[in-house]
Amino acid sequence: MKLVVGLGNPGSEYADTRHNVGFRVVDKLASKFGWKWSERRNRAILASGTIGLEKVVLAKPITFMNLSGQAVGELIRWYKIQPGDMLVVYDELDLPVGKVRLRVRGSAAGHNGLEDIIHHLHTNAFPRLRVGIGRSANSHIKGKDHVLGIPTNDERILLEIGEDRAVEAIELVIRQGISSTMNVVNTDPEEAARKEAERLQRQRERQEQARLKREATHREQEATSSQRDQDGPRSSPEGERDDPQPGPEGVQGVPRPSPKGRQDDPTQPQG
């Protein structure tokens, strides 16, 4: 079983605020599968069903944001599950509007609702899905006023895209597990597209360098072949011939003269 908790404030006056992103995400997930918010338990309203083979319970605490831990702690004990089997969905000031990030654990980073959950569970080791609402461009607007404010039309478009991505992420977590889902969700599409474009550019540059190298080698081979054709076969100059070298008997077989002062007398004995 998986427990998915969307954080927000109860009441129609808060329904469209930035702070109620968590409520809207679980509302969209319930609507997608036709689940009804027909149950109330432990200071939360619930909707449930199955995704794949997994039983899933959606929860919206009605304790107000800053006391979310009271409802979540009671639900964890009621269903007898571990914190690791829960996924908390909430708004994040430090993410650009509409960006979605998934983590397996971590600090509250100033979010009061998450801080209260950590306090009641005595651990921060539980998955959380953050949907960016961004900080106000007006430095005079306090964080509390910003999160409880209504997003502009442009923000609303980006925020709805982020909420839809969060719904898809929850389904992936339940069907495939959190590790593989993090690889998908935490990859920024724009950043991924930029990196892919850079990879293709490097590939084209390598291919061009290889082509130029092949062409240079081919031209060099052609130049060498052409030079050989111009030189033709090597031969001796016309009329030149190799004279025989004098042998031991002298030039062209003429006997060598005897050493000076010595004449062989055929009538004298040899030896």
C-alpha atoms as a PDB file:
ATOM      1  CA  MET A   1       0.000   0.000   0.000  1.00  0.00           C
ATOM      2  CA  LYS A   2       1.097   3.578  -0.749  1.00  0.00           C
ATOM      3  CA  LEU A   3      -0.073   6.726   1.020  1.00  0.00           C
ATOM      4  CA  VAL A   4       0.049   9.939  -1.041  1.00  0.00           C
ATOM      5  CA  VAL A   5      -0.424  13.106   1.013  1.00  0.00           C
ATOM      6  CA  GLY A   6      -1.135  16.439  -0.639  1.00  0.00           C
ATOM      7  CA  LEU A   7      -0.478  19.459   1.570  1.00  0.00           C
ATOM      8  CA  GLY A   8      -2.643  22.574   1.652  1.00  0.00           C
ATOM      9  CA  ASN A   9      -5.129  24.562   3.666  1.00  0.00           C
ATOM     10  CA  PRO A  10      -8.832  23.622   3.902  1.00  0.00           C
ATOM     11  CA  GLY A  11     -11.448  26.103   2.793  1.00  0.00           C
ATOM     12  CA  SER A  12     -12.519  27.592  -0.520  1.00  0.00           C
ATOM     13  CA  GLU A  13     -10.613  30.835   0.159  1.00  0.00           C
ATOM     14  CA  TYR A  14      -7.342  28.898  -0.100  1.00  0.00           C
ATOM     15  CA  ALA A  15      -8.229  26.588  -2.978  1.00  0.00           C
ATOM     16  CA  ASP A  16      -6.502  28.602  -5.716  1.00  0.00           C
ATOM     17  CA  THR A  17      -3.495  29.812  -3.732  1.00  0.00           C
ATOM     18  CA  ARG A  18       0.075  28.812  -4.481  1.00  0.00           C
ATOM     19  CA  HIS A  19       0.281  27.031  -1.126  1.00  0.00           C
ATOM     20  CA  ASN A  20      -2.451  24.560  -2.098  1.00  0.00           C
ATOM     21  CA  VAL A  21      -0.537  22.925  -4.930  1.00  0.00           C
ATOM     22  CA  GLY A  22      -0.449  19.639  -3.002  1.00  0.00           C
ATOM     23  CA  PHE A  23      -4.240  19.557  -2.655  1.00  0.00           C
ATOM     24  CA  ARG A  24      -4.737  20.275  -6.356  1.00  0.00           C
ATOM     25  CA  VAL A  25      -2.309  17.529  -7.422  1.00  0.00           C
ATOM     26  CA  VAL A  26      -4.061  14.789  -5.444  1.00  0.00           C
ATOM     27  CA  ASP A  27      -7.441  16.169  -6.597  1.00  0.00           C
ATOM     28  CA  LYS A  28      -6.307  15.763 -10.209  1.00  0.00           C
ATOM     29  CA  LEU A  29      -5.027  12.238  -9.548  1.00  0.00           C
ATOM     30  CA  ALA A  30      -8.338  11.226  -7.919  1.00  0.00           C
ATOM     31  CA  SER A  31     -10.292  12.743 -10.807  1.00  0.00           C
ATOM     32  CA  LYS A  32      -8.155  10.906 -13.364  1.00  0.00           C
ATOM     33  CA  PHE A  33      -9.010   7.516 -11.838  1.00  0.00           C
ATOM     34  CA  GLY A  34     -12.556   8.394 -10.797  1.00  0.00           C
ATOM     35  CA  TRP A  35     -11.867   8.066  -7.070  1.00  0.00           C
ATOM     36  CA  LYS A  36     -14.203   9.862  -4.650  1.00  0.00           C
ATOM     37  CA  TRP A  37     -13.254  11.822  -1.550  1.00  0.00           C
ATOM     38  CA  SER A  38     -15.774   9.835   0.440  1.00  0.00           C
ATOM     39  CA  GLU A  39     -13.893   8.956   3.605  1.00  0.00           C
ATOM     40  CA  ARG A  40     -12.677  10.964   6.559  1.00  0.00           C
ATOM     41  CA  ARG A  41     -10.199   9.641   9.103  1.00  0.00           C
ATOM     42  CA  ASN A  42      -7.615  11.014  11.522  1.00  0.00           C
ATOM     43  CA  ARG A  43      -8.152  14.674  10.583  1.00  0.00           C
ATOM     44  CA  ALA A  44      -7.852  14.036   6.868  1.00  0.00           C
ATOM     45  CA  ILE A  45     -10.198  13.382   3.974  1.00  0.00           C
ATOM     46  CA  LEU A  46      -9.373  10.333   1.860  1.00  0.00           C
ATOM     47  CA  ALA A  47      -9.838   8.847  -1.595  1.00  0.00           C
ATOM     48  CA  SER A  48      -8.532   5.416  -2.550  1.00  0.00           C
ATOM     49  CA  GLY A  49      -8.221   2.883  -5.328  1.00  0.00           C
ATOM     50  CA  THR A  50      -5.556   0.839  -7.106  1.00  0.00           C
ATOM     51  CA  ILE A  51      -2.851   1.695  -9.596  1.00  0.00           C
ATOM     52  CA  GLY A  52      -1.559  -1.443 -11.245  1.00  0.00           C
ATOM     53  CA  LEU A  53      -1.497  -3.979  -8.418  1.00  0.00           C
ATOM     54  CA  GLU A  54      -0.871  -1.396  -5.687  1.00  0.00           C
ATOM     55  CA  LYS A  55      -3.508  -0.096  -3.311  1.00  0.00           C
ATOM     56  CA  VAL A  56      -3.226   3.683  -3.074  1.00  0.00           C
ATOM     57  CA  VAL A  57      -4.720   6.037  -0.483  1.00  0.00           C
ATOM     58  CA  LEU A  58      -4.807   9.774  -1.198  1.00  0.00           C
ATOM     59  CA  ALA A  59      -5.010  12.117   1.782  1.00  0.00           C
ATOM     60  CA  LYS A  60      -5.646  15.825   2.314  1.00  0.00           C
ATOM     61  CA  PRO A  61      -5.023  16.897   5.940  1.00  0.00           C
ATOM     62  CA  ILE A  62      -7.650  19.339   7.225  1.00  0.00           C
ATOM     63  CA  THR A  63      -5.544  20.557  10.134  1.00  0.00           C
ATOM     64  CA  PHE A  64      -4.224  23.575   8.181  1.00  0.00           C
ATOM     65  CA  MET A  65      -0.756  23.501   6.699  1.00  0.00           C
ATOM     66  CA  ASN A  66       1.343  24.135   9.802  1.00  0.00           C
ATOM     67  CA  LEU A  67      -0.205  21.190  11.684  1.00  0.00           C
ATOM     68  CA  SER A  68      -0.052  18.650   8.836  1.00  0.00           C
ATOM     69  CA  GLY A  69       2.124  16.319  10.889  1.00  0.00           C
ATOM     70  CA  GLN A  70      -0.707  15.551  13.289  1.00  0.00           C
ATOM     71  CA  ALA A  71      -2.881  14.067  10.557  1.00  0.00           C
ATOM     72  CA  VAL A  72       0.013  12.339   8.758  1.00  0.00           C
ATOM     73  CA  GLY A  73       1.348  10.713  11.947  1.00  0.00           C
ATOM     74  CA  GLU A  74      -2.078   9.304  12.748  1.00  0.00           C
ATOM     75  CA  LEU A  75      -2.515   7.956   9.217  1.00  0.00           C
ATOM     76  CA  ILE A  76       0.890   6.239   9.286  1.00  0.00           C
ATOM     77  CA  ARG A  77      -0.061   4.495  12.534  1.00  0.00           C
ATOM     78  CA  TRP A  78      -3.593   3.653  11.357  1.00  0.00           C
ATOM     79  CA  TYR A  79      -2.444   1.953   8.155  1.00  0.00           C
ATOM     80  CA  LYS A  80       0.625   0.461   9.840  1.00  0.00           C
ATOM     81  CA  ILE A  81       2.978   1.540   7.078  1.00  0.00           C
ATOM     82  CA  GLN A  82       6.528   2.845   7.109  1.00  0.00           C
ATOM     83  CA  PRO A  83       7.343   6.482   6.264  1.00  0.00           C
ATOM     84  CA  GLY A  84       9.105   5.198   3.157  1.00  0.00           C
ATOM     85  CA  ASP A  85       5.726   4.009   1.819  1.00  0.00           C
ATOM     86  CA  MET A  86       4.398   7.580   1.869  1.00  0.00           C
ATOM     87  CA  LEU A  87       4.816  10.340  -0.709  1.00  0.00           C
ATOM     88  CA  VAL A  88       4.219  13.956   0.324  1.00  0.00           C
ATOM     89  CA  VAL A  89       3.322  16.529  -2.358  1.00  0.00           C
ATOM     90  CA  TYR A  90       3.778  20.231  -1.642  1.00  0.00           C
ATOM     91  CA  ASP A  91       4.740  23.649  -2.987  1.00  0.00           C
ATOM     92  CA  GLU A  92       8.372  24.818  -3.215  1.00  0.00           C
ATOM     93  CA  LEU A  93       9.440  28.464  -3.183  1.00  0.00           C
ATOM     94  CA  ASP A  94      12.985  27.672  -4.298  1.00  0.00           C
ATOM     95  CA  LEU A  95      11.951  26.011  -7.553  1.00  0.00           C
ATOM     96  CA  PRO A  96      10.892  27.968 -10.655  1.00  0.00           C
ATOM     97  CA  VAL A  97       7.159  27.984 -11.292  1.00  0.00           C
ATOM     98  CA  GLY A  98       5.988  24.628 -12.644  1.00  0.00           C
ATOM     99  CA  LYS A  99       9.245  22.731 -12.142  1.00  0.00           C
ATOM    100  CA  VAL A 100       8.913  19.351 -10.398  1.00  0.00           C
ATOM    101  CA  ARG A 101      11.515  17.553  -8.293  1.00  0.00           C
ATOM    102  CA  LEU A 102      11.424  14.201  -6.490  1.00  0.00           C
ATOM    103  CA  ARG A 103      13.561  13.308  -3.474  1.00  0.00           C
ATOM    104  CA  VAL A 104      13.725  10.276  -1.189  1.00  0.00           C
ATOM    105  CA  ARG A 105      14.523  12.269   1.957  1.00  0.00           C
ATOM    106  CA  GLY A 106      15.761  15.642   3.153  1.00  0.00           C
ATOM    107  CA  SER A 107      15.155  18.626   5.368  1.00  0.00           C
ATOM    108  CA  ALA A 108      12.036  20.796   5.412  1.00  0.00           C
ATOM    109  CA  ALA A 109      13.974  23.766   3.952  1.00  0.00           C
ATOM    110  CA  GLY A 110      11.646  26.221   5.667  1.00  0.00           C
ATOM    111  CA  HIS A 111       8.334  24.607   4.660  1.00  0.00           C
ATOM    112  CA  ASN A 112       6.188  24.606   7.818  1.00  0.00           C
ATOM    113  CA  GLY A 113       3.907  21.763   6.758  1.00  0.00           C
ATOM    114  CA  LEU A 114       6.825  19.463   5.988  1.00  0.00           C
ATOM    115  CA  GLU A 115       8.587  20.527   9.178  1.00  0.00           C
ATOM    116  CA  ASP A 116       5.577  19.423  11.228  1.00  0.00           C
ATOM    117  CA  ILE A 117       5.481  16.039   9.470  1.00  0.00           C
ATOM    118  CA  ILE A 118       9.182  15.469  10.228  1.00  0.00           C
ATOM    119  CA  HIS A 119       8.525  16.445  13.850  1.00  0.00           C
ATOM    120  CA  HIS A 120       5.696  13.938  14.291  1.00  0.00           C
ATOM    121  CA  LEU A 121       7.360  11.071  12.435  1.00  0.00           C
ATOM    122  CA  HIS A 122      10.766  11.692  14.067  1.00  0.00           C
ATOM    123  CA  THR A 123      12.420  11.196  10.694  1.00  0.00           C
ATOM    124  CA  ASN A 124      12.943  12.982   7.398  1.00  0.00           C
ATOM    125  CA  ALA A 125      13.468   9.704   5.536  1.00  0.00           C
ATOM    126  CA  PHE A 126      10.331   9.721   3.422  1.00  0.00           C
ATOM    127  CA  PRO A 127       9.833  10.589  -0.273  1.00  0.00           C
ATOM    128  CA  ARG A 128       8.553  14.003  -1.253  1.00  0.00           C
ATOM    129  CA  LEU A 129       7.461  15.560  -4.532  1.00  0.00           C
ATOM    130  CA  ARG A 130       7.971  19.318  -4.799  1.00  0.00           C
ATOM    131  CA  VAL A 131       6.168  21.558  -7.272  1.00  0.00           C
ATOM    132  CA  GLY A 132       7.807  24.930  -7.857  1.00  0.00           C
ATOM    133  CA  ILE A 133       5.856  28.126  -7.197  1.00  0.00           C
ATOM    134  CA  GLY A 134       8.894  30.439  -7.390  1.00  0.00           C
ATOM    135  CA  ARG A 135       9.633  33.484  -5.263  1.00  0.00           C
ATOM    136  CA  SER A 136       8.013  36.841  -5.761  1.00  0.00           C
ATOM    137  CA  ALA A 137       9.754  39.273  -8.082  1.00  0.00           C
ATOM    138  CA  ASN A 138       8.754  41.998  -5.617  1.00  0.00           C
ATOM    139  CA  SER A 139      11.251  41.905  -2.751  1.00  0.00           C
ATOM    140  CA  HIS A 140       8.780  43.775  -0.509  1.00  0.00           C
ATOM    141  CA  ILE A 141       6.306  40.871  -0.552  1.00  0.00           C
ATOM    142  CA  LYS A 142       6.901  38.453   2.321  1.00  0.00           C
ATOM    143  CA  GLY A 143       7.125  34.728   1.673  1.00  0.00           C
ATOM    144  CA  LYS A 144       3.944  34.035   3.642  1.00  0.00           C
ATOM    145  CA  ASP A 145       1.969  36.548   1.610  1.00  0.00           C
ATOM    146  CA  HIS A 146       3.381  35.149  -1.612  1.00  0.00           C
ATOM    147  CA  VAL A 147       2.469  31.511  -0.925  1.00  0.00           C
ATOM    148  CA  LEU A 148      -1.036  32.487   0.202  1.00  0.00           C
ATOM    149  CA  GLY A 149      -1.520  34.645  -2.881  1.00  0.00           C
ATOM    150  CA  ILE A 150      -3.244  33.788  -6.139  1.00  0.00           C
ATOM    151  CA  PRO A 151      -0.854  33.213  -9.073  1.00  0.00           C
ATOM    152  CA  THR A 152      -1.045  35.476 -12.108  1.00  0.00           C
ATOM    153  CA  ASN A 153      -2.490  34.153 -15.364  1.00  0.00           C
ATOM    154  CA  ASP A 154       0.979  33.388 -16.768  1.00  0.00           C
ATOM    155  CA  GLU A 155       1.991  31.671 -13.534  1.00  0.00           C
ATOM    156  CA  ARG A 156      -1.257  29.726 -13.502  1.00  0.00           C
ATOM    157  CA  ILE A 157      -0.474  28.200 -16.892  1.00  0.00           C
ATOM    158  CA  LEU A 158       2.995  27.097 -15.769  1.00  0.00           C
ATOM    159  CA  LEU A 159       1.682  25.884 -12.433  1.00  0.00           C
ATOM    160  CA  GLU A 160      -0.983  23.727 -14.085  1.00  0.00           C
ATOM    161  CA  ILE A 161       1.684  22.154 -16.284  1.00  0.00           C
ATOM    162  CA  GLY A 162       3.716  21.408 -13.159  1.00  0.00           C
ATOM    163  CA  GLU A 163       0.698  19.916 -11.392  1.00  0.00           C
ATOM    164  CA  ASP A 164       0.016  17.645 -14.380  1.00  0.00           C
ATOM    165  CA  ARG A 165       3.652  16.522 -14.372  1.00  0.00           C
ATOM    166  CA  ALA A 166       3.349  15.795 -10.645  1.00  0.00           C
ATOM    167  CA  VAL A 167       0.332  13.557 -11.307  1.00  0.00           C
ATOM    168  CA  GLU A 168       2.352  11.627 -13.898  1.00  0.00           C
ATOM    169  CA  ALA A 169       5.258  11.377 -11.453  1.00  0.00           C
ATOM    170  CA  ILE A 170       3.065   9.881  -8.725  1.00  0.00           C
ATOM    171  CA  GLU A 171       1.862   7.199 -11.124  1.00  0.00           C
ATOM    172  CA  LEU A 172       5.444   6.389 -12.107  1.00  0.00           C
ATOM    173  CA  VAL A 173       6.531   6.127  -8.468  1.00  0.00           C
ATOM    174  CA  ILE A 174       3.771   3.631  -7.777  1.00  0.00           C
ATOM    175  CA  ARG A 175       4.279   1.591 -10.945  1.00  0.00           C
ATOM    176  CA  GLN A 176       8.076   1.669 -11.309  1.00  0.00           C
ATOM    177  CA  GLY A 177       9.513   2.706  -7.953  1.00  0.00           C
ATOM    178  CA  ILE A 178      11.089   5.933  -6.842  1.00  0.00           C
ATOM    179  CA  SER A 179      14.649   5.418  -8.132  1.00  0.00           C
ATOM    180  CA  SER A 180      13.748   5.030 -11.800  1.00  0.00           C
ATOM    181  CA  THR A 181      11.133   7.780 -11.490  1.00  0.00           C
ATOM    182  CA  MET A 182      13.727  10.221 -10.166  1.00  0.00           C
ATOM    183  CA  ASN A 183      15.757   9.718 -13.348  1.00  0.00           C
ATOM    184  CA  VAL A 184      12.732  10.818 -15.361  1.00  0.00           C
ATOM    185  CA  VAL A 185      11.216  13.530 -13.180  1.00  0.00           C
ATOM    186  CA  ASN A 186      14.427  15.263 -12.122  1.00  0.00           C
ATOM    187  CA  THR A 187      15.654  15.632 -15.691  1.00  0.00           C
ATOM    188  CA  ASP A 188      14.710  19.081 -16.884  1.00  0.00           C
ATOM    189  CA  PRO A 189      13.275  18.762 -20.447  1.00  0.00           C
ATOM    190  CA  GLU A 190      14.902  22.010 -21.587  1.00  0.00           C
ATOM    191  CA  GLU A 191      18.257  21.045 -20.099  1.00  0.00           C
ATOM    192  CA  ALA A 192      17.997  17.558 -21.582  1.00  0.00           C
ATOM    193  CA  ALA A 193      17.215  19.041 -25.014  1.00  0.00           C
ATOM    194  CA  ARG A 194      20.195  21.403 -24.759  1.00  0.00           C
ATOM    195  CA  LYS A 195      22.552  18.572 -23.808  1.00  0.00           C
ATOM    196  CA  GLU A 196      21.242  16.414 -26.648  1.00  0.00           C
ATOM    197  CA  ALA A 197      21.794  19.269 -29.124  1.00  0.00           C
ATOM    198  CA  GLU A 198      25.364  19.688 -27.835  1.00  0.00           C
ATOM    199  CA  ARG A 199      25.983  15.943 -28.181  1.00  0.00           C
ATOM    200  CA  LEU A 200      24.757  15.943 -31.779  1.00  0.00           C
ATOM    201  CA  GLN A 201      26.895  18.997 -32.575  1.00  0.00           C
ATOM    202  CA  ARG A 202      30.017  17.278 -31.211  1.00  0.00           C
ATOM    203  CA  GLN A 203      29.165  14.184 -33.232  1.00  0.00           C
ATOM    204  CA  ARG A 204      28.828  16.249 -36.431  1.00  0.00           C
ATOM    205  CA  GLU A 205      32.156  17.973 -35.742  1.00  0.00           C
ATOM    206  CA  ARG A 206      33.918  14.617 -35.279  1.00  0.00           C
ATOM    207  CA  GLN A 207      32.391  13.307 -38.500  1.00  0.00           C
ATOM    208  CA  GLU A 208      33.496  16.442 -40.373  1.00  0.00           C
ATOM    209  CA  GLN A 209      37.039  16.150 -39.026  1.00  0.00           C
ATOM    210  CA  ALA A 210      37.172  12.500 -40.078  1.00  0.00           C
ATOM    211  CA  ARG A 211      35.907  13.422 -43.565  1.00  0.00           C
ATOM    212  CA  LEU A 212      38.536  16.139 -43.992  1.00  0.00           C
ATOM    213  CA  LYS A 213      41.239  13.754 -42.841  1.00  0.00           C
ATOM    214  CA  ARG A 214      40.129  11.121 -45.358  1.00  0.00           C
ATOM    215  CA  GLU A 215      40.096  13.688 -48.156  1.00  0.00           C
ATOM    216  CA  ALA A 216      43.599  14.928 -47.242  1.00  0.00           C
ATOM    217  CA  THR A 217      44.927  11.362 -47.231  1.00  0.00           C
ATOM    218  CA  HIS A 218      43.279  10.684 -50.597  1.00  0.00           C
ATOM    219  CA  ARG A 219      44.786  13.833 -52.160  1.00  0.00           C
ATOM    220  CA  GLU A 220      48.225  12.903 -50.851  1.00  0.00           C
ATOM    221  CA  GLN A 221      47.941   9.420 -52.337  1.00  0.00           C
ATOM    222  CA  GLU A 222      46.860  10.859 -55.698  1.00  0.00           C
ATOM    223  CA  ALA A 223      49.790  13.306 -55.703  1.00  0.00           C
ATOM    224  CA  THR A 224      52.264  10.504 -54.998  1.00  0.00           C
ATOM    225  CA  SER A 225      50.800   8.339 -57.755  1.00  0.00           C
ATOM    226  CA  SER A 226      50.909  11.227 -60.259  1.00  0.00           C
ATOM    227  CA  GLN A 227      54.592  11.919 -59.487  1.00  0.00           C
ATOM    228  CA  ARG A 228      55.470   8.307 -60.108  1.00  0.00           C
ATOM    229  CA  ASP A 229      53.688   8.369 -63.455  1.00  0.00           C
ATOM    230  CA  GLN A 230      55.667  11.474 -64.509  1.00  0.00           C
ATOM    231  CA  ASP A 231      59.031   9.965 -63.529  1.00  0.00           C
ATOM    232  CA  GLY A 232      58.499   6.755 -65.527  1.00  0.00           C
ATOM    233  CA  PRO A 233      60.782   3.653 -65.266  1.00  0.00           C
ATOM    234  CA  ARG A 234      64.507   4.334 -64.515  1.00  0.00           C
ATOM    235  CA  SER A 235      67.140   3.187 -67.233  1.00  0.00           C
ATOM    236  CA  SER A 236      70.867   3.657 -68.050  1.00  0.00           C
ATOM    237  CA  PRO A 237      71.848   6.651 -70.301  1.00  0.00           C
ATOM    238  CA  GLU A 238      72.030   5.895 -74.033  1.00  0.00           C
ATOM    239  CA  GLY A 239      75.448   4.545 -75.191  1.00  0.00           C
ATOM    240  CA  GLU A 240      76.610   3.849 -71.670  1.00  0.00           C
ATOM    241  CA  ARG A 241      77.693   0.323 -70.927  1.00  0.00           C
ATOM    242  CA  ASP A 242      79.457  -1.387 -68.159  1.00  0.00           C
ATOM    243  CA  ASP A 243      83.069  -2.273 -69.071  1.00  0.00           C
ATOM    244  CA  PRO A 244      84.375  -5.493 -67.642  1.00  0.00           C
ATOM    245  CA  GLN A 245      86.634  -4.984 -64.661  1.00  0.00           C
ATOM    246  CA  PRO A 246      90.271  -6.088 -64.984  1.00  0.00           C
ATOM    247  CA  GLY A 247      90.745  -9.590 -63.734  1.00  0.00           C
ATOM    248  CA  PRO A 248      93.738 -11.017 -61.972  1.00  0.00           C
ATOM    249  CA  GLU A 249      95.496 -11.622 -65.322  1.00  0.00           C
ATOM    250  CA  GLY A 250      95.359  -7.981 -66.289  1.00  0.00           C
ATOM    251  CA  VAL A 251      93.228  -6.046 -68.678  1.00  0.00           C
ATOM    252  CA  GLN A 252      91.370  -8.286 -71.142  1.00  0.00           C
ATOM    253  CA  GLY A 253      93.466 -11.314 -70.254  1.00  0.00           C
ATOM    254  CA  VAL A 254      96.959  -9.814 -70.964  1.00  0.00           C
ATOM    255  CA  PRO A 255      99.460 -11.527 -68.644  1.00  0.00           C
ATOM    256  CA  ARG A 256     100.926  -9.336 -65.966  1.00  0.00           C
ATOM    257  CA  PRO A 257     104.664  -8.629 -66.328  1.00  0.00           C
ATOM    258  CA  SER A 258     107.091 -10.303 -63.947  1.00  0.00           C
ATOM    259  CA  PRO A 259     108.469  -8.179 -61.162  1.00  0.00           C
ATOM    260  CA  LYS A 260     111.232  -5.738 -62.214  1.00  0.00           C
ATOM    261  CA  GLY A 261     114.640  -7.356 -62.609  1.00  0.00           C
ATOM    262  CA  ARG A 262     113.330 -10.870 -62.693  1.00  0.00           C
ATOM    263  CA  GLN A 263     113.121 -12.938 -65.852  1.00  0.00           C
ATOM    264  CA  ASP A 264     112.139 -16.512 -65.940  1.00  0.00           C
ATOM    265  CA  ASP A 265     114.712 -18.563 -67.784  1.00  0.00           C
ATOM    266  CA  PRO A 266     113.043 -21.621 -69.099  1.00  0.00           C
ATOM    267  CA  THR A 267     116.428 -23.356 -69.054  1.00  0.00           C
ATOM    268  CA  GLN A 268     116.935 -22.755 -65.315  1.00  0.00           C
ATOM    269  CA  PRO A 269     115.436 -25.105 -62.789  1.00  0.00           C
ATOM    270  CA  GLN A 270     112.384 -23.714 -60.887  1.00  0.00           C
ATOM    271  CA  GLY A 271     112.067 -23.620 -57.205  1.00  0.00           C
END
